[in-house]
Amino acid sequence: MICVNDLYSFDPDVVVEIEQFEDVIGRHFKQPKEGLGNDNTPASHMWRTLRRPCNAL
């Protein structure tokens, strides 16, 4: 959604569709089989916090 709604990168008169970015998103986003936040990567704590912000780290 950042790519679609980024007003700094596009001419405001141009209509941008998410389909134009599906290739890039698909190549760079990988969801682990354990689920986001449960795979012990450096960003795991971020995903756990986003999923349940009231839980302690």
N, C-alpha and C. Protein backbone atom coordinates (compact mmCIF):
# COMPACT_ATOMS: atom_id res chain seq x y z
N MET A 1 0.82 -1.19 0.00
CA MET A 1 0.00 0.00 0.00
C MET A 1 0.86 1.26 0.00
N ILE A 2 2.10 1.14 0.49
CA ILE A 2 2.98 2.30 0.46
C ILE A 2 3.24 2.71 -0.98
N CYS A 3 3.48 1.75 -1.85
CA CYS A 3 3.76 2.06 -3.25
C CYS A 3 2.56 2.73 -3.92
N VAL A 4 1.38 2.32 -3.58
CA VAL A 4 0.18 2.83 -4.22
C VAL A 4 -0.17 4.23 -3.71
N ASN A 5 0.07 4.49 -2.43
CA ASN A 5 -0.35 5.74 -1.82
C ASN A 5 0.77 6.75 -1.62
N ASP A 6 1.95 6.51 -2.13
CA ASP A 6 3.09 7.40 -1.96
C ASP A 6 2.97 8.59 -2.89
N LEU A 7 2.57 9.73 -2.36
CA LEU A 7 2.36 10.93 -3.19
C LEU A 7 3.67 11.59 -3.61
N TYR A 8 4.77 11.26 -2.93
CA TYR A 8 6.04 11.88 -3.26
C TYR A 8 6.69 11.26 -4.50
N SER A 9 6.30 10.06 -4.84
CA SER A 9 6.94 9.36 -5.95
C SER A 9 6.18 9.43 -7.26
N PHE A 10 4.92 9.79 -7.21
CA PHE A 10 4.10 9.71 -8.42
C PHE A 10 3.44 11.04 -8.73
N ASP A 11 3.15 11.23 -9.96
CA ASP A 11 2.36 12.37 -10.40
C ASP A 11 0.95 12.19 -9.84
N PRO A 12 0.39 13.21 -9.17
CA PRO A 12 -0.93 13.04 -8.56
C PRO A 12 -2.05 12.73 -9.56
N ASP A 13 -1.82 12.98 -10.83
CA ASP A 13 -2.85 12.69 -11.84
C ASP A 13 -2.80 11.25 -12.34
N VAL A 14 -1.77 10.52 -11.97
CA VAL A 14 -1.61 9.15 -12.43
C VAL A 14 -2.35 8.21 -11.47
N VAL A 15 -3.09 7.27 -12.02
CA VAL A 15 -3.79 6.27 -11.22
C VAL A 15 -2.87 5.05 -11.11
N VAL A 16 -2.53 4.70 -9.89
CA VAL A 16 -1.61 3.59 -9.64
C VAL A 16 -2.40 2.42 -9.06
N GLU A 17 -2.21 1.25 -9.62
CA GLU A 17 -2.89 0.05 -9.16
C GLU A 17 -1.88 -0.89 -8.50
N ILE A 18 -2.32 -1.64 -7.51
CA ILE A 18 -1.44 -2.57 -6.79
C ILE A 18 -0.89 -3.65 -7.72
N GLU A 19 -1.61 -3.99 -8.78
CA GLU A 19 -1.17 -5.03 -9.70
C GLU A 19 0.19 -4.70 -10.32
N GLN A 20 0.50 -3.43 -10.44
CA GLN A 20 1.79 -3.02 -11.01
C GLN A 20 2.95 -3.42 -10.09
N PHE A 21 2.67 -3.64 -8.82
CA PHE A 21 3.72 -3.92 -7.85
C PHE A 21 3.69 -5.35 -7.33
N GLU A 22 2.78 -6.17 -7.79
CA GLU A 22 2.67 -7.54 -7.29
C GLU A 22 3.95 -8.33 -7.50
N ASP A 23 4.62 -8.13 -8.60
CA ASP A 23 5.86 -8.85 -8.89
C ASP A 23 6.93 -8.52 -7.86
N VAL A 24 7.12 -7.25 -7.58
CA VAL A 24 8.14 -6.81 -6.63
C VAL A 24 7.79 -7.28 -5.21
N ILE A 25 6.54 -7.14 -4.83
CA ILE A 25 6.11 -7.57 -3.50
C ILE A 25 6.29 -9.07 -3.35
N GLY A 26 5.92 -9.83 -4.35
CA GLY A 26 6.05 -11.27 -4.29
C GLY A 26 7.48 -11.75 -4.19
N ARG A 27 8.41 -11.04 -4.81
CA ARG A 27 9.82 -11.43 -4.76
C ARG A 27 10.47 -11.09 -3.42
N HIS A 28 9.99 -10.06 -2.74
CA HIS A 28 10.69 -9.59 -1.55
C HIS A 28 10.00 -9.90 -0.23
N PHE A 29 8.75 -10.33 -0.26
CA PHE A 29 8.05 -10.66 0.98
C PHE A 29 7.93 -12.16 1.09
N LYS A 30 8.50 -12.70 2.15
CA LYS A 30 8.41 -14.13 2.39
C LYS A 30 7.88 -14.35 3.80
N GLN A 31 6.82 -15.10 3.91
CA GLN A 31 6.26 -15.41 5.22
C GLN A 31 6.77 -16.77 5.65
N PRO A 32 7.43 -16.85 6.82
CA PRO A 32 7.97 -18.13 7.28
C PRO A 32 6.85 -19.10 7.65
N LYS A 33 7.15 -20.40 7.56
CA LYS A 33 6.12 -21.40 7.86
C LYS A 33 5.69 -21.36 9.32
N GLU A 34 6.59 -20.86 10.21
CA GLU A 34 6.25 -20.75 11.63
C GLU A 34 5.29 -19.59 11.89
N GLY A 35 5.20 -18.67 10.95
CA GLY A 35 4.39 -17.48 11.12
C GLY A 35 5.26 -16.29 11.48
N LEU A 36 4.83 -15.12 11.10
CA LEU A 36 5.60 -13.92 11.41
C LEU A 36 5.70 -13.74 12.92
N GLY A 37 6.89 -13.53 13.40
CA GLY A 37 7.12 -13.33 14.82
C GLY A 37 7.52 -14.59 15.56
N ASN A 38 7.45 -15.73 14.91
CA ASN A 38 7.78 -17.00 15.57
C ASN A 38 8.96 -17.69 14.93
N ASP A 39 9.72 -17.00 14.09
CA ASP A 39 10.79 -17.65 13.34
C ASP A 39 12.19 -17.29 13.84
N ASN A 40 12.30 -16.56 14.95
CA ASN A 40 13.57 -16.21 15.57
C ASN A 40 14.50 -15.42 14.64
N THR A 41 13.94 -14.58 13.80
CA THR A 41 14.75 -13.67 12.99
C THR A 41 14.90 -12.35 13.74
N PRO A 42 15.80 -11.47 13.29
CA PRO A 42 15.97 -10.19 13.98
C PRO A 42 14.70 -9.34 14.05
N ALA A 43 13.77 -9.54 13.16
CA ALA A 43 12.55 -8.74 13.15
C ALA A 43 11.38 -9.43 13.86
N SER A 44 11.62 -10.57 14.47
CA SER A 44 10.53 -11.31 15.11
C SER A 44 9.85 -10.50 16.20
N HIS A 45 10.63 -9.79 17.01
CA HIS A 45 10.03 -9.01 18.09
C HIS A 45 9.09 -7.94 17.56
N MET A 46 9.42 -7.37 16.39
CA MET A 46 8.56 -6.35 15.80
C MET A 46 7.21 -6.94 15.42
N TRP A 47 7.22 -8.12 14.77
CA TRP A 47 5.96 -8.74 14.35
C TRP A 47 5.13 -9.16 15.54
N ARG A 48 5.78 -9.68 16.60
CA ARG A 48 5.03 -10.06 17.80
C ARG A 48 4.39 -8.85 18.45
N THR A 49 5.11 -7.73 18.48
CA THR A 49 4.57 -6.50 19.08
C THR A 49 3.41 -5.96 18.25
N LEU A 50 3.50 -5.99 16.94
CA LEU A 50 2.41 -5.53 16.10
C LEU A 50 1.17 -6.41 16.24
N ARG A 51 1.42 -7.69 16.41
CA ARG A 51 0.30 -8.64 16.52
C ARG A 51 -0.42 -8.49 17.86
N ARG A 52 0.36 -8.32 18.95
CA ARG A 52 -0.22 -8.20 20.30
C ARG A 52 0.51 -7.11 21.05
N PRO A 53 0.12 -5.86 20.85
CA PRO A 53 0.86 -4.73 21.45
C PRO A 53 0.81 -4.68 22.97
N CYS A 54 -0.17 -5.29 23.61
CA CYS A 54 -0.28 -5.22 25.08
C CYS A 54 0.58 -6.25 25.79
N ASN A 55 1.07 -7.24 25.05
CA ASN A 55 1.92 -8.26 25.68
C ASN A 55 3.32 -7.71 25.90
N ALA A 56 3.96 -8.17 26.97
CA ALA A 56 5.34 -7.76 27.23
C ALA A 56 6.28 -8.47 26.25
N LEU A 57 7.38 -7.80 25.92
CA LEU A 57 8.36 -8.40 25.03
C LEU A 57 9.09 -9.49 25.77
